[in-house]
Amino acid sequence: MTNTFRAKIGDDGRVVIPATFRKQPGFHPGDTVVIEQDGDAVKISSYAQVLKEVQEHFRQYVKPGQSVVDELIAERRAEAAQEEAELAEWLARHGRSGA
């Protein structure tokens, strides 16, 4: 079922979202929303809903039992070790100590 409401855009570009439209998605004053344009249409979604949709989309790329956090930490540690090795090599070539 589609609900329809007629509203005017104010001089400052604001549009008031009717209470009945704010209740179902759980919009509250001060909340962050995501506004998407699809051709001539505009869609307003809660930030939480968009975040949930993005997480669900990317969940398909995570293997069962795999921790993306552990993988990220391991990658960052490897990068840090590589940076340390490169710095030590540069210091050695230039006759400097790493202290």
PDB file of N, CA and C in Angstrom:
ATOM      1  N   MET A   1       0.840  -1.172   0.000  1.00  0.00           N
ATOM      2  CA  MET A   1       0.000   0.000   0.000  1.00  0.00           C
ATOM      3  C   MET A   1       0.888   1.239   0.000  1.00  0.00           C
ATOM      4  N   THR A   2       0.590   2.187  -0.844  1.00  0.00           N
ATOM      5  CA  THR A   2       1.360   3.410  -0.938  1.00  0.00           C
ATOM      6  C   THR A   2       0.596   4.545  -0.280  1.00  0.00           C
ATOM      7  N   ASN A   3       1.257   5.238   0.627  1.00  0.00           N
ATOM      8  CA  ASN A   3       0.675   6.429   1.233  1.00  0.00           C
ATOM      9  C   ASN A   3       1.139   7.640   0.446  1.00  0.00           C
ATOM     10  N   THR A   4       0.275   8.611   0.309  1.00  0.00           N
ATOM     11  CA  THR A   4       0.605   9.819  -0.426  1.00  0.00           C
ATOM     12  C   THR A   4       0.301  11.029   0.432  1.00  0.00           C
ATOM     13  N   PHE A   5       1.174  11.995   0.380  1.00  0.00           N
ATOM     14  CA  PHE A   5       0.998  13.238   1.124  1.00  0.00           C
ATOM     15  C   PHE A   5       1.499  14.368   0.264  1.00  0.00           C
ATOM     16  N   ARG A   6       0.770  15.440   0.248  1.00  0.00           N
ATOM     17  CA  ARG A   6       1.157  16.613  -0.526  1.00  0.00           C
ATOM     18  C   ARG A   6       1.834  17.605   0.408  1.00  0.00           C
ATOM     19  N   ALA A   7       3.000  18.115  -0.002  1.00  0.00           N
ATOM     20  CA  ALA A   7       3.750  19.074   0.813  1.00  0.00           C
ATOM     21  C   ALA A   7       4.339  20.140  -0.099  1.00  0.00           C
ATOM     22  N   LYS A   8       4.649  21.275   0.488  1.00  0.00           N
ATOM     23  CA  LYS A   8       5.296  22.355  -0.256  1.00  0.00           C
ATOM     24  C   LYS A   8       6.736  22.490   0.215  1.00  0.00           C
ATOM     25  N   ILE A   9       7.581  22.859  -0.728  1.00  0.00           N
ATOM     26  CA  ILE A   9       8.970  23.129  -0.403  1.00  0.00           C
ATOM     27  C   ILE A   9       9.066  24.587   0.011  1.00  0.00           C
ATOM     28  N   GLY A  10       9.604  24.828   1.204  1.00  0.00           N
ATOM     29  CA  GLY A  10       9.747  26.186   1.706  1.00  0.00           C
ATOM     30  C   GLY A  10      10.834  26.956   0.978  1.00  0.00           C
ATOM     31  N   ASP A  11      10.888  28.256   1.218  1.00  0.00           N
ATOM     32  CA  ASP A  11      11.892  29.113   0.582  1.00  0.00           C
ATOM     33  C   ASP A  11      13.315  28.644   0.874  1.00  0.00           C
ATOM     34  N   ASP A  12      13.502  28.029   2.045  1.00  0.00           N
ATOM     35  CA  ASP A  12      14.831  27.551   2.418  1.00  0.00           C
ATOM     36  C   ASP A  12      15.093  26.114   1.959  1.00  0.00           C
ATOM     37  N   GLY A  13      14.184  25.535   1.166  1.00  0.00           N
ATOM     38  CA  GLY A  13      14.355  24.186   0.633  1.00  0.00           C
ATOM     39  C   GLY A  13      13.873  23.078   1.547  1.00  0.00           C
ATOM     40  N   ARG A  14      13.272  23.422   2.658  1.00  0.00           N
ATOM     41  CA  ARG A  14      12.819  22.411   3.616  1.00  0.00           C
ATOM     42  C   ARG A  14      11.446  21.852   3.250  1.00  0.00           C
ATOM     43  N   VAL A  15      11.291  20.569   3.573  1.00  0.00           N
ATOM     44  CA  VAL A  15      10.011  19.892   3.403  1.00  0.00           C
ATOM     45  C   VAL A  15       9.687  19.242   4.739  1.00  0.00           C
ATOM     46  N   VAL A  16       8.478  19.412   5.219  1.00  0.00           N
ATOM     47  CA  VAL A  16       8.065  18.785   6.467  1.00  0.00           C
ATOM     48  C   VAL A  16       7.573  17.383   6.153  1.00  0.00           C
ATOM     49  N   ILE A  17       8.133  16.392   6.869  1.00  0.00           N
ATOM     50  CA  ILE A  17       7.697  15.005   6.714  1.00  0.00           C
ATOM     51  C   ILE A  17       6.584  14.771   7.722  1.00  0.00           C
ATOM     52  N   PRO A  18       5.391  14.393   7.268  1.00  0.00           N
ATOM     53  CA  PRO A  18       4.272  14.193   8.186  1.00  0.00           C
ATOM     54  C   PRO A  18       4.574  13.129   9.238  1.00  0.00           C
ATOM     55  N   ALA A  19       3.977  13.275  10.404  1.00  0.00           N
ATOM     56  CA  ALA A  19       4.218  12.366  11.527  1.00  0.00           C
ATOM     57  C   ALA A  19       3.971  10.911  11.146  1.00  0.00           C
ATOM     58  N   THR A  20       2.932  10.658  10.365  1.00  0.00           N
ATOM     59  CA  THR A  20       2.637   9.269   9.998  1.00  0.00           C
ATOM     60  C   THR A  20       3.764   8.664   9.158  1.00  0.00           C
ATOM     61  N   PHE A  21       4.466   9.485   8.399  1.00  0.00           N
ATOM     62  CA  PHE A  21       5.580   9.005   7.584  1.00  0.00           C
ATOM     63  C   PHE A  21       6.850   8.862   8.420  1.00  0.00           C
ATOM     64  N   ARG A  22       6.964   9.577   9.504  1.00  0.00           N
ATOM     65  CA  ARG A  22       8.157   9.517  10.357  1.00  0.00           C
ATOM     66  C   ARG A  22       8.108   8.342  11.321  1.00  0.00           C
ATOM     67  N   LYS A  23       6.909   7.922  11.714  1.00  0.00           N
ATOM     68  CA  LYS A  23       6.767   6.890  12.742  1.00  0.00           C
ATOM     69  C   LYS A  23       7.250   5.518  12.278  1.00  0.00           C
ATOM     70  N   GLN A  24       6.807   5.054  11.115  1.00  0.00           N
ATOM     71  CA  GLN A  24       7.119   3.698  10.661  1.00  0.00           C
ATOM     72  C   GLN A  24       8.623   3.476  10.510  1.00  0.00           C
ATOM     73  N   PRO A  25       9.371   4.350   9.848  1.00  0.00           N
ATOM     74  CA  PRO A  25      10.818   4.106   9.768  1.00  0.00           C
ATOM     75  C   PRO A  25      11.559   4.530  11.034  1.00  0.00           C
ATOM     76  N   GLY A  26      10.852   5.143  11.980  1.00  0.00           N
ATOM     77  CA  GLY A  26      11.473   5.531  13.245  1.00  0.00           C
ATOM     78  C   GLY A  26      12.301   6.800  13.159  1.00  0.00           C
ATOM     79  N   PHE A  27      11.902   7.735  12.308  1.00  0.00           N
ATOM     80  CA  PHE A  27      12.618   9.013  12.208  1.00  0.00           C
ATOM     81  C   PHE A  27      12.324   9.855  13.447  1.00  0.00           C
ATOM     82  N   HIS A  28      13.365  10.464  13.992  1.00  0.00           N
ATOM     83  CA  HIS A  28      13.240  11.349  15.149  1.00  0.00           C
ATOM     84  C   HIS A  28      14.007  12.632  14.870  1.00  0.00           C
ATOM     85  N   PRO A  29      13.593  13.744  15.470  1.00  0.00           N
ATOM     86  CA  PRO A  29      14.326  14.997  15.272  1.00  0.00           C
ATOM     87  C   PRO A  29      15.813  14.813  15.586  1.00  0.00           C
ATOM     88  N   GLY A  30      16.651  15.293  14.696  1.00  0.00           N
ATOM     89  CA  GLY A  30      18.095  15.192  14.865  1.00  0.00           C
ATOM     90  C   GLY A  30      18.715  13.954  14.245  1.00  0.00           C
ATOM     91  N   ASP A  31      17.889  12.982  13.806  1.00  0.00           N
ATOM     92  CA  ASP A  31      18.425  11.777  13.175  1.00  0.00           C
ATOM     93  C   ASP A  31      19.084  12.110  11.844  1.00  0.00           C
ATOM     94  N   THR A  32      20.047  11.288  11.466  1.00  0.00           N
ATOM     95  CA  THR A  32      20.660  11.390  10.149  1.00  0.00           C
ATOM     96  C   THR A  32      19.867  10.515   9.192  1.00  0.00           C
ATOM     97  N   VAL A  33      19.565  11.047   8.026  1.00  0.00           N
ATOM     98  CA  VAL A  33      18.864  10.289   7.000  1.00  0.00           C
ATOM     99  C   VAL A  33      19.703  10.282   5.731  1.00  0.00           C
ATOM    100  N   VAL A  34      19.399   9.352   4.855  1.00  0.00           N
ATOM    101  CA  VAL A  34      20.061   9.257   3.561  1.00  0.00           C
ATOM    102  C   VAL A  34      19.023   9.581   2.502  1.00  0.00           C
ATOM    103  N   ILE A  35      19.366  10.513   1.632  1.00  0.00           N
ATOM    104  CA  ILE A  35      18.449  10.932   0.575  1.00  0.00           C
ATOM    105  C   ILE A  35      19.028  10.482  -0.753  1.00  0.00           C
ATOM    106  N   GLU A  36      18.260   9.685  -1.491  1.00  0.00           N
ATOM    107  CA  GLU A  36      18.706   9.158  -2.775  1.00  0.00           C
ATOM    108  C   GLU A  36      17.822   9.695  -3.890  1.00  0.00           C
ATOM    109  N   GLN A  37      18.445   9.992  -5.011  1.00  0.00           N
ATOM    110  CA  GLN A  37      17.686  10.404  -6.189  1.00  0.00           C
ATOM    111  C   GLN A  37      17.691   9.252  -7.177  1.00  0.00           C
ATOM    112  N   ASP A  38      16.512   8.911  -7.668  1.00  0.00           N
ATOM    113  CA  ASP A  38      16.349   7.858  -8.658  1.00  0.00           C
ATOM    114  C   ASP A  38      15.507   8.432  -9.788  1.00  0.00           C
ATOM    115  N   GLY A  39      16.176   8.958 -10.780  1.00  0.00           N
ATOM    116  CA  GLY A  39      15.465   9.644 -11.857  1.00  0.00           C
ATOM    117  C   GLY A  39      14.796  10.884 -11.307  1.00  0.00           C
ATOM    118  N   ASP A  40      13.485  10.967 -11.439  1.00  0.00           N
ATOM    119  CA  ASP A  40      12.738  12.115 -10.930  1.00  0.00           C
ATOM    120  C   ASP A  40      12.220  11.891  -9.506  1.00  0.00           C
ATOM    121  N   ALA A  41      12.490  10.740  -8.930  1.00  0.00           N
ATOM    122  CA  ALA A  41      11.996  10.427  -7.588  1.00  0.00           C
ATOM    123  C   ALA A  41      13.089  10.646  -6.541  1.00  0.00           C
ATOM    124  N   VAL A  42      12.661  10.930  -5.321  1.00  0.00           N
ATOM    125  CA  VAL A  42      13.563  11.102  -4.191  1.00  0.00           C
ATOM    126  C   VAL A  42      13.128  10.127  -3.099  1.00  0.00           C
ATOM    127  N   LYS A  43      14.088   9.405  -2.531  1.00  0.00           N
ATOM    128  CA  LYS A  43      13.811   8.428  -1.480  1.00  0.00           C
ATOM    129  C   LYS A  43      14.566   8.847  -0.227  1.00  0.00           C
ATOM    130  N   ILE A  44      13.882   8.834   0.913  1.00  0.00           N
ATOM    131  CA  ILE A  44      14.498   9.163   2.196  1.00  0.00           C
ATOM    132  C   ILE A  44      14.495   7.900   3.048  1.00  0.00           C
ATOM    133  N   SER A  45      15.671   7.499   3.514  1.00  0.00           N
ATOM    134  CA  SER A  45      15.816   6.308   4.349  1.00  0.00           C
ATOM    135  C   SER A  45      16.569   6.677   5.616  1.00  0.00           C
ATOM    136  N   SER A  46      16.338   5.897   6.665  1.00  0.00           N
ATOM    137  CA  SER A  46      17.116   6.120   7.883  1.00  0.00           C
ATOM    138  C   SER A  46      18.545   5.658   7.628  1.00  0.00           C
ATOM    139  N   TYR A  47      19.479   6.310   8.287  1.00  0.00           N
ATOM    140  CA  TYR A  47      20.880   5.929   8.166  1.00  0.00           C
ATOM    141  C   TYR A  47      21.058   4.482   8.635  1.00  0.00           C
ATOM    142  N   ALA A  48      20.377   4.113   9.703  1.00  0.00           N
ATOM    143  CA  ALA A  48      20.482   2.750  10.232  1.00  0.00           C
ATOM    144  C   ALA A  48      20.017   1.722   9.197  1.00  0.00           C
ATOM    145  N   GLN A  49      18.938   2.030   8.477  1.00  0.00           N
ATOM    146  CA  GLN A  49      18.426   1.102   7.470  1.00  0.00           C
ATOM    147  C   GLN A  49      19.411   0.952   6.321  1.00  0.00           C
ATOM    148  N   VAL A  50      19.991   2.048   5.865  1.00  0.00           N
ATOM    149  CA  VAL A  50      20.964   1.981   4.767  1.00  0.00           C
ATOM    150  C   VAL A  50      22.198   1.205   5.211  1.00  0.00           C
ATOM    151  N   LEU A  51      22.661   1.450   6.428  1.00  0.00           N
ATOM    152  CA  LEU A  51      23.809   0.716   6.956  1.00  0.00           C
ATOM    153  C   LEU A  51      23.512  -0.780   6.996  1.00  0.00           C
ATOM    154  N   LYS A  52      22.318  -1.147   7.442  1.00  0.00           N
ATOM    155  CA  LYS A  52      21.912  -2.557   7.494  1.00  0.00           C
ATOM    156  C   LYS A  52      21.920  -3.171   6.092  1.00  0.00           C
ATOM    157  N   GLU A  53      21.395  -2.445   5.101  1.00  0.00           N
ATOM    158  CA  GLU A  53      21.361  -2.948   3.722  1.00  0.00           C
ATOM    159  C   GLU A  53      22.771  -3.138   3.164  1.00  0.00           C
ATOM    160  N   VAL A  54      23.661  -2.208   3.448  1.00  0.00           N
ATOM    161  CA  VAL A  54      25.045  -2.310   2.969  1.00  0.00           C
ATOM    162  C   VAL A  54      25.737  -3.503   3.619  1.00  0.00           C
ATOM    163  N   GLN A  55      25.545  -3.683   4.930  1.00  0.00           N
ATOM    164  CA  GLN A  55      26.143  -4.831   5.625  1.00  0.00           C
ATOM    165  C   GLN A  55      25.627  -6.145   5.063  1.00  0.00           C
ATOM    166  N   GLU A  56      24.329  -6.220   4.801  1.00  0.00           N
ATOM    167  CA  GLU A  56      23.753  -7.442   4.231  1.00  0.00           C
ATOM    168  C   GLU A  56      24.322  -7.726   2.844  1.00  0.00           C
ATOM    169  N   HIS A  57      24.507  -6.672   2.058  1.00  0.00           N
ATOM    170  CA  HIS A  57      25.062  -6.836   0.711  1.00  0.00           C
ATOM    171  C   HIS A  57      26.475  -7.416   0.767  1.00  0.00           C
ATOM    172  N   PHE A  58      27.316  -6.864   1.648  1.00  0.00           N
ATOM    173  CA  PHE A  58      28.708  -7.303   1.699  1.00  0.00           C
ATOM    174  C   PHE A  58      28.907  -8.595   2.489  1.00  0.00           C
ATOM    175  N   ARG A  59      27.911  -9.015   3.250  1.00  0.00           N
ATOM    176  CA  ARG A  59      28.006 -10.250   4.023  1.00  0.00           C
ATOM    177  C   ARG A  59      28.246 -11.447   3.113  1.00  0.00           C
ATOM    178  N   GLN A  60      27.770 -11.389   1.871  1.00  0.00           N
ATOM    179  CA  GLN A  60      27.937 -12.501   0.936  1.00  0.00           C
ATOM    180  C   GLN A  60      29.403 -12.757   0.598  1.00  0.00           C
ATOM    181  N   TYR A  61      30.269 -11.792   0.828  1.00  0.00           N
ATOM    182  CA  TYR A  61      31.685 -11.938   0.491  1.00  0.00           C
ATOM    183  C   TYR A  61      32.518 -12.463   1.661  1.00  0.00           C
ATOM    184  N   VAL A  62      31.911 -12.633   2.813  1.00  0.00           N
ATOM    185  CA  VAL A  62      32.618 -13.130   3.989  1.00  0.00           C
ATOM    186  C   VAL A  62      32.410 -14.633   4.079  1.00  0.00           C
ATOM    187  N   LYS A  63      33.527 -15.360   4.149  1.00  0.00           N
ATOM    188  CA  LYS A  63      33.444 -16.816   4.250  1.00  0.00           C
ATOM    189  C   LYS A  63      33.024 -17.209   5.668  1.00  0.00           C
ATOM    190  N   PRO A  64      32.239 -18.282   5.823  1.00  0.00           N
ATOM    191  CA  PRO A  64      31.837 -18.736   7.156  1.00  0.00           C
ATOM    192  C   PRO A  64      33.074 -19.002   8.028  1.00  0.00           C
ATOM    193  N   GLY A  65      33.014 -18.534   9.258  1.00  0.00           N
ATOM    194  CA  GLY A  65      34.121 -18.722  10.185  1.00  0.00           C
ATOM    195  C   GLY A  65      35.253 -17.729  10.008  1.00  0.00           C
ATOM    196  N   GLN A  66      35.134 -16.859   9.023  1.00  0.00           N
ATOM    197  CA  GLN A  66      36.185 -15.874   8.760  1.00  0.00           C
ATOM    198  C   GLN A  66      35.877 -14.589   9.525  1.00  0.00           C
ATOM    199  N   SER A  67      36.896 -14.035  10.162  1.00  0.00           N
ATOM    200  CA  SER A  67      36.732 -12.774  10.875  1.00  0.00           C
ATOM    201  C   SER A  67      37.394 -11.675  10.049  1.00  0.00           C
ATOM    202  N   VAL A  68      36.591 -10.779   9.508  1.00  0.00           N
ATOM    203  CA  VAL A  68      37.160  -9.690   8.722  1.00  0.00           C
ATOM    204  C   VAL A  68      38.002  -8.767   9.598  1.00  0.00           C
ATOM    205  N   VAL A  69      37.665  -8.691  10.874  1.00  0.00           N
ATOM    206  CA  VAL A  69      38.447  -7.867  11.795  1.00  0.00           C
ATOM    207  C   VAL A  69      39.842  -8.467  11.965  1.00  0.00           C
ATOM    208  N   ASP A  70      39.906  -9.773  12.216  1.00  0.00           N
ATOM    209  CA  ASP A  70      41.204 -10.435  12.363  1.00  0.00           C
ATOM    210  C   ASP A  70      42.020 -10.326  11.076  1.00  0.00           C
ATOM    211  N   GLU A  71      41.341 -10.458   9.937  1.00  0.00           N
ATOM    212  CA  GLU A  71      42.019 -10.344   8.651  1.00  0.00           C
ATOM    213  C   GLU A  71      42.585  -8.935   8.463  1.00  0.00           C
ATOM    214  N   LEU A  72      41.807  -7.928   8.816  1.00  0.00           N
ATOM    215  CA  LEU A  72      42.266  -6.544   8.696  1.00  0.00           C
ATOM    216  C   LEU A  72      43.461  -6.286   9.611  1.00  0.00           C
ATOM    217  N   ILE A  73      43.397  -6.765  10.853  1.00  0.00           N
ATOM    218  CA  ILE A  73      44.504  -6.585  11.792  1.00  0.00           C
ATOM    219  C   ILE A  73      45.767  -7.267  11.262  1.00  0.00           C
ATOM    220  N   ALA A  74      45.625  -8.478  10.748  1.00  0.00           N
ATOM    221  CA  ALA A  74      46.784  -9.202  10.202  1.00  0.00           C
ATOM    222  C   ALA A  74      47.388  -8.447   9.021  1.00  0.00           C
ATOM    223  N   GLU A  75      46.535  -7.923   8.136  1.00  0.00           N
ATOM    224  CA  GLU A  75      47.037  -7.156   6.986  1.00  0.00           C
ATOM    225  C   GLU A  75      47.771  -5.904   7.452  1.00  0.00           C
ATOM    226  N   ARG A  76      47.202  -5.212   8.426  1.00  0.00           N
ATOM    227  CA  ARG A  76      47.826  -3.983   8.920  1.00  0.00           C
ATOM    228  C   ARG A  76      49.151  -4.271   9.599  1.00  0.00           C
ATOM    229  N   ARG A  77      49.231  -5.370  10.361  1.00  0.00           N
ATOM    230  CA  ARG A  77      50.500  -5.752  11.004  1.00  0.00           C
ATOM    231  C   ARG A  77      51.557  -6.084   9.961  1.00  0.00           C
ATOM    232  N   ALA A  78      51.161  -6.775   8.897  1.00  0.00           N
ATOM    233  CA  ALA A  78      52.101  -7.100   7.826  1.00  0.00           C
ATOM    234  C   ALA A  78      52.584  -5.822   7.140  1.00  0.00           C
ATOM    235  N   GLU A  79      51.680  -4.882   6.903  1.00  0.00           N
ATOM    236  CA  GLU A  79      52.069  -3.603   6.293  1.00  0.00           C
ATOM    237  C   GLU A  79      53.026  -2.837   7.202  1.00  0.00           C
ATOM    238  N   ALA A  80      52.742  -2.837   8.507  1.00  0.00           N
ATOM    239  CA  ALA A  80      53.604  -2.134   9.458  1.00  0.00           C
ATOM    240  C   ALA A  80      54.985  -2.773   9.493  1.00  0.00           C
ATOM    241  N   ALA A  81      55.057  -4.097   9.467  1.00  0.00           N
ATOM    242  CA  ALA A  81      56.344  -4.785   9.458  1.00  0.00           C
ATOM    243  C   ALA A  81      57.124  -4.442   8.197  1.00  0.00           C
ATOM    244  N   GLN A  82      56.428  -4.388   7.063  1.00  0.00           N
ATOM    245  CA  GLN A  82      57.074  -4.026   5.793  1.00  0.00           C
ATOM    246  C   GLN A  82      57.602  -2.598   5.854  1.00  0.00           C
ATOM    247  N   GLU A  83      56.825  -1.685   6.406  1.00  0.00           N
ATOM    248  CA  GLU A  83      57.265  -0.295   6.544  1.00  0.00           C
ATOM    249  C   GLU A  83      58.487  -0.198   7.448  1.00  0.00           C
ATOM    250  N   GLU A  84      58.499  -0.950   8.550  1.00  0.00           N
ATOM    251  CA  GLU A  84      59.649  -0.962   9.467  1.00  0.00           C
ATOM    252  C   GLU A  84      60.892  -1.489   8.762  1.00  0.00           C
ATOM    253  N   ALA A  85      60.730  -2.553   7.971  1.00  0.00           N
ATOM    254  CA  ALA A  85      61.862  -3.125   7.237  1.00  0.00           C
ATOM    255  C   ALA A  85      62.403  -2.131   6.218  1.00  0.00           C
ATOM    256  N   GLU A  86      61.507  -1.449   5.515  1.00  0.00           N
ATOM    257  CA  GLU A  86      61.941  -0.453   4.529  1.00  0.00           C
ATOM    258  C   GLU A  86      62.657   0.713   5.205  1.00  0.00           C
ATOM    259  N   LEU A  87      62.167   1.143   6.353  1.00  0.00           N
ATOM    260  CA  LEU A  87      62.807   2.222   7.085  1.00  0.00           C
ATOM    261  C   LEU A  87      64.187   1.799   7.579  1.00  0.00           C
ATOM    262  N   ALA A  88      64.280   0.586   8.124  1.00  0.00           N
ATOM    263  CA  ALA A  88      65.578   0.085   8.602  1.00  0.00           C
ATOM    264  C   ALA A  88      66.578  -0.002   7.454  1.00  0.00           C
ATOM    265  N   GLU A  89      66.130  -0.459   6.294  1.00  0.00           N
ATOM    266  CA  GLU A  89      67.005  -0.547   5.119  1.00  0.00           C
ATOM    267  C   GLU A  89      67.455   0.842   4.684  1.00  0.00           C
ATOM    268  N   TRP A  90      66.550   1.801   4.660  1.00  0.00           N
ATOM    269  CA  TRP A  90      66.895   3.168   4.263  1.00  0.00           C
ATOM    270  C   TRP A  90      67.906   3.761   5.237  1.00  0.00           C
ATOM    271  N   LEU A  91      67.667   3.565   6.545  1.00  0.00           N
ATOM    272  CA  LEU A  91      68.581   4.087   7.561  1.00  0.00           C
ATOM    273  C   LEU A  91      69.959   3.457   7.425  1.00  0.00           C
ATOM    274  N   ALA A  92      70.022   2.161   7.168  1.00  0.00           N
ATOM    275  CA  ALA A  92      71.295   1.479   7.009  1.00  0.00           C
ATOM    276  C   ALA A  92      72.053   2.006   5.795  1.00  0.00           C
ATOM    277  N   ARG A  93      71.343   2.244   4.692  1.00  0.00           N
ATOM    278  CA  ARG A  93      71.986   2.762   3.478  1.00  0.00           C
ATOM    279  C   ARG A  93      72.540   4.170   3.692  1.00  0.00           C
ATOM    280  N   HIS A  94      71.909   4.923   4.546  1.00  0.00           N
ATOM    281  CA  HIS A  94      72.303   6.308   4.766  1.00  0.00           C
ATOM    282  C   HIS A  94      73.124   6.499   6.037  1.00  0.00           C
ATOM    283  N   GLY A  95      73.594   5.391   6.604  1.00  0.00           N
ATOM    284  CA  GLY A  95      74.468   5.451   7.757  1.00  0.00           C
ATOM    285  C   GLY A  95      73.840   6.025   8.988  1.00  0.00           C
ATOM    286  N   ARG A  96      72.587   5.778   9.163  1.00  0.00           N
ATOM    287  CA  ARG A  96      71.868   6.291  10.349  1.00  0.00           C
ATOM    288  C   ARG A  96      71.335   5.126  11.144  1.00  0.00           C
ATOM    289  N   SER A  97      71.157   5.367  12.425  1.00  0.00           N
ATOM    290  CA  SER A  97      70.576   4.326  13.286  1.00  0.00           C
ATOM    291  C   SER A  97      69.089   4.557  13.434  1.00  0.00           C
ATOM    292  N   GLY A  98      68.391   3.550  13.836  1.00  0.00           N
ATOM    293  CA  GLY A  98      66.947   3.654  13.995  1.00  0.00           C
ATOM    294  C   GLY A  98      66.530   4.115  15.363  1.00  0.00           C
ATOM    295  N   ALA A  99      67.415   4.579  16.201  1.00  0.00           N
ATOM    296  CA  ALA A  99      67.059   4.977  17.575  1.00  0.00           C
ATOM    297  C   ALA A  99      66.496   6.334  17.687  1.00  0.00           C
TER     298      ALA A  99
END
